Amino acid sequence: MMAIMGATGAYYVSTVETPSKEITYQELVQQHLQHNDIKMITLCEDKTGTTFKFRAQIESHKGERIHLILP
């Protein structure tokens, strides 16, 4: 029973995303792109609202996680 609970807990921890800070397009360009500080950009559906939008999840070389809601 303890093994099942431990496996469930490990799965939950591995699938939960760390919170990210929302930025504007201008902040993205000025603070990250101009300084070549982007490690990876992932596009996904934004499920926080009722309208169909996409979100760019960005990971910087410094380890910072940010996101940008695309129009």
C-alpha atoms as a PDB file:
ATOM      1  CA  MET A   1       0.000   0.000   0.000  1.00  0.00           C
ATOM      2  CA  MET A   2       2.834   2.395   0.854  1.00  0.00           C
ATOM      3  CA  ALA A   3       4.482   1.664  -2.507  1.00  0.00           C
ATOM      4  CA  ILE A   4       1.311   2.668  -4.362  1.00  0.00           C
ATOM      5  CA  MET A   5       1.030   5.882  -2.357  1.00  0.00           C
ATOM      6  CA  GLY A   6       4.697   6.668  -2.969  1.00  0.00           C
ATOM      7  CA  ALA A   7       4.394   6.027  -6.697  1.00  0.00           C
ATOM      8  CA  THR A   8       1.287   8.211  -6.883  1.00  0.00           C
ATOM      9  CA  GLY A   9       3.059  11.012  -5.036  1.00  0.00           C
ATOM     10  CA  ALA A  10       6.121  10.770  -7.290  1.00  0.00           C
ATOM     11  CA  TYR A  11       3.932  10.869 -10.403  1.00  0.00           C
ATOM     12  CA  TYR A  12       2.070  13.933  -9.124  1.00  0.00           C
ATOM     13  CA  VAL A  13       5.291  15.798  -8.335  1.00  0.00           C
ATOM     14  CA  SER A  14       6.785  14.983 -11.735  1.00  0.00           C
ATOM     15  CA  THR A  15       3.714  16.165 -13.687  1.00  0.00           C
ATOM     16  CA  VAL A  16       2.948  19.389 -11.811  1.00  0.00           C
ATOM     17  CA  GLU A  17       4.331  22.427 -13.613  1.00  0.00           C
ATOM     18  CA  THR A  18       6.083  25.134 -11.702  1.00  0.00           C
ATOM     19  CA  PRO A  19       4.257  28.455 -11.846  1.00  0.00           C
ATOM     20  CA  SER A  20       5.486  30.915 -14.425  1.00  0.00           C
ATOM     21  CA  LYS A  21       5.368  34.682 -14.621  1.00  0.00           C
ATOM     22  CA  GLU A  22       3.296  36.276 -17.395  1.00  0.00           C
ATOM     23  CA  ILE A  23       5.141  38.844 -19.510  1.00  0.00           C
ATOM     24  CA  THR A  24       4.310  41.066 -22.486  1.00  0.00           C
ATOM     25  CA  TYR A  25       5.776  40.761 -25.975  1.00  0.00           C
ATOM     26  CA  GLN A  26       7.870  43.885 -25.432  1.00  0.00           C
ATOM     27  CA  GLU A  27       9.369  42.430 -22.223  1.00  0.00           C
ATOM     28  CA  LEU A  28      10.174  39.224 -24.087  1.00  0.00           C
ATOM     29  CA  VAL A  29      12.083  41.086 -26.776  1.00  0.00           C
ATOM     30  CA  GLN A  30      13.876  43.594 -24.536  1.00  0.00           C
ATOM     31  CA  GLN A  31      14.772  41.381 -21.578  1.00  0.00           C
ATOM     32  CA  HIS A  32      15.261  37.957 -23.142  1.00  0.00           C
ATOM     33  CA  LEU A  33      15.668  37.906 -26.934  1.00  0.00           C
ATOM     34  CA  GLN A  34      18.110  40.832 -27.110  1.00  0.00           C
ATOM     35  CA  HIS A  35      20.261  39.194 -24.425  1.00  0.00           C
ATOM     36  CA  ASN A  36      20.056  35.718 -26.031  1.00  0.00           C
ATOM     37  CA  ASP A  37      18.576  34.302 -22.806  1.00  0.00           C
ATOM     38  CA  ILE A  38      16.032  31.843 -24.279  1.00  0.00           C
ATOM     39  CA  LYS A  39      16.692  28.147 -23.796  1.00  0.00           C
ATOM     40  CA  MET A  40      13.370  26.727 -25.039  1.00  0.00           C
ATOM     41  CA  ILE A  41       9.933  27.951 -26.180  1.00  0.00           C
ATOM     42  CA  THR A  42       6.969  25.574 -26.042  1.00  0.00           C
ATOM     43  CA  LEU A  43       3.616  26.440 -27.634  1.00  0.00           C
ATOM     44  CA  CYS A  44       0.474  24.990 -26.070  1.00  0.00           C
ATOM     45  CA  GLU A  45      -3.234  25.721 -25.705  1.00  0.00           C
ATOM     46  CA  ASP A  46      -4.096  28.226 -22.974  1.00  0.00           C
ATOM     47  CA  LYS A  47      -6.772  26.579 -20.835  1.00  0.00           C
ATOM     48  CA  THR A  48      -7.221  29.396 -18.310  1.00  0.00           C
ATOM     49  CA  GLY A  49     -10.003  31.210 -20.194  1.00  0.00           C
ATOM     50  CA  THR A  50     -13.090  30.407 -22.214  1.00  0.00           C
ATOM     51  CA  THR A  51     -11.664  31.609 -25.529  1.00  0.00           C
ATOM     52  CA  PHE A  52      -9.343  29.559 -27.717  1.00  0.00           C
ATOM     53  CA  LYS A  53      -5.841  31.030 -27.350  1.00  0.00           C
ATOM     54  CA  PHE A  54      -2.301  29.761 -27.282  1.00  0.00           C
ATOM     55  CA  ARG A  55       0.444  30.255 -24.741  1.00  0.00           C
ATOM     56  CA  ALA A  56       4.187  30.406 -25.316  1.00  0.00           C
ATOM     57  CA  GLN A  57       5.935  28.843 -22.328  1.00  0.00           C
ATOM     58  CA  ILE A  58       9.514  30.057 -22.183  1.00  0.00           C
ATOM     59  CA  GLU A  59      12.450  28.704 -20.207  1.00  0.00           C
ATOM     60  CA  SER A  60      15.515  30.918 -19.914  1.00  0.00           C
ATOM     61  CA  HIS A  61      19.139  29.890 -19.519  1.00  0.00           C
ATOM     62  CA  LYS A  62      18.961  31.284 -15.960  1.00  0.00           C
ATOM     63  CA  GLY A  63      16.207  28.770 -15.113  1.00  0.00           C
ATOM     64  CA  GLU A  64      13.419  31.345 -15.078  1.00  0.00           C
ATOM     65  CA  ARG A  65      10.012  30.179 -16.348  1.00  0.00           C
ATOM     66  CA  ILE A  66       7.818  32.771 -18.032  1.00  0.00           C
ATOM     67  CA  HIS A  67       4.832  32.686 -20.380  1.00  0.00           C
ATOM     68  CA  LEU A  68       3.232  34.875 -23.002  1.00  0.00           C
ATOM     69  CA  ILE A  69      -0.408  34.657 -24.098  1.00  0.00           C
ATOM     70  CA  LEU A  70      -0.549  34.782 -27.891  1.00  0.00           C
ATOM     71  CA  PRO A  71      -3.427  36.599 -29.649  1.00  0.00           C
END
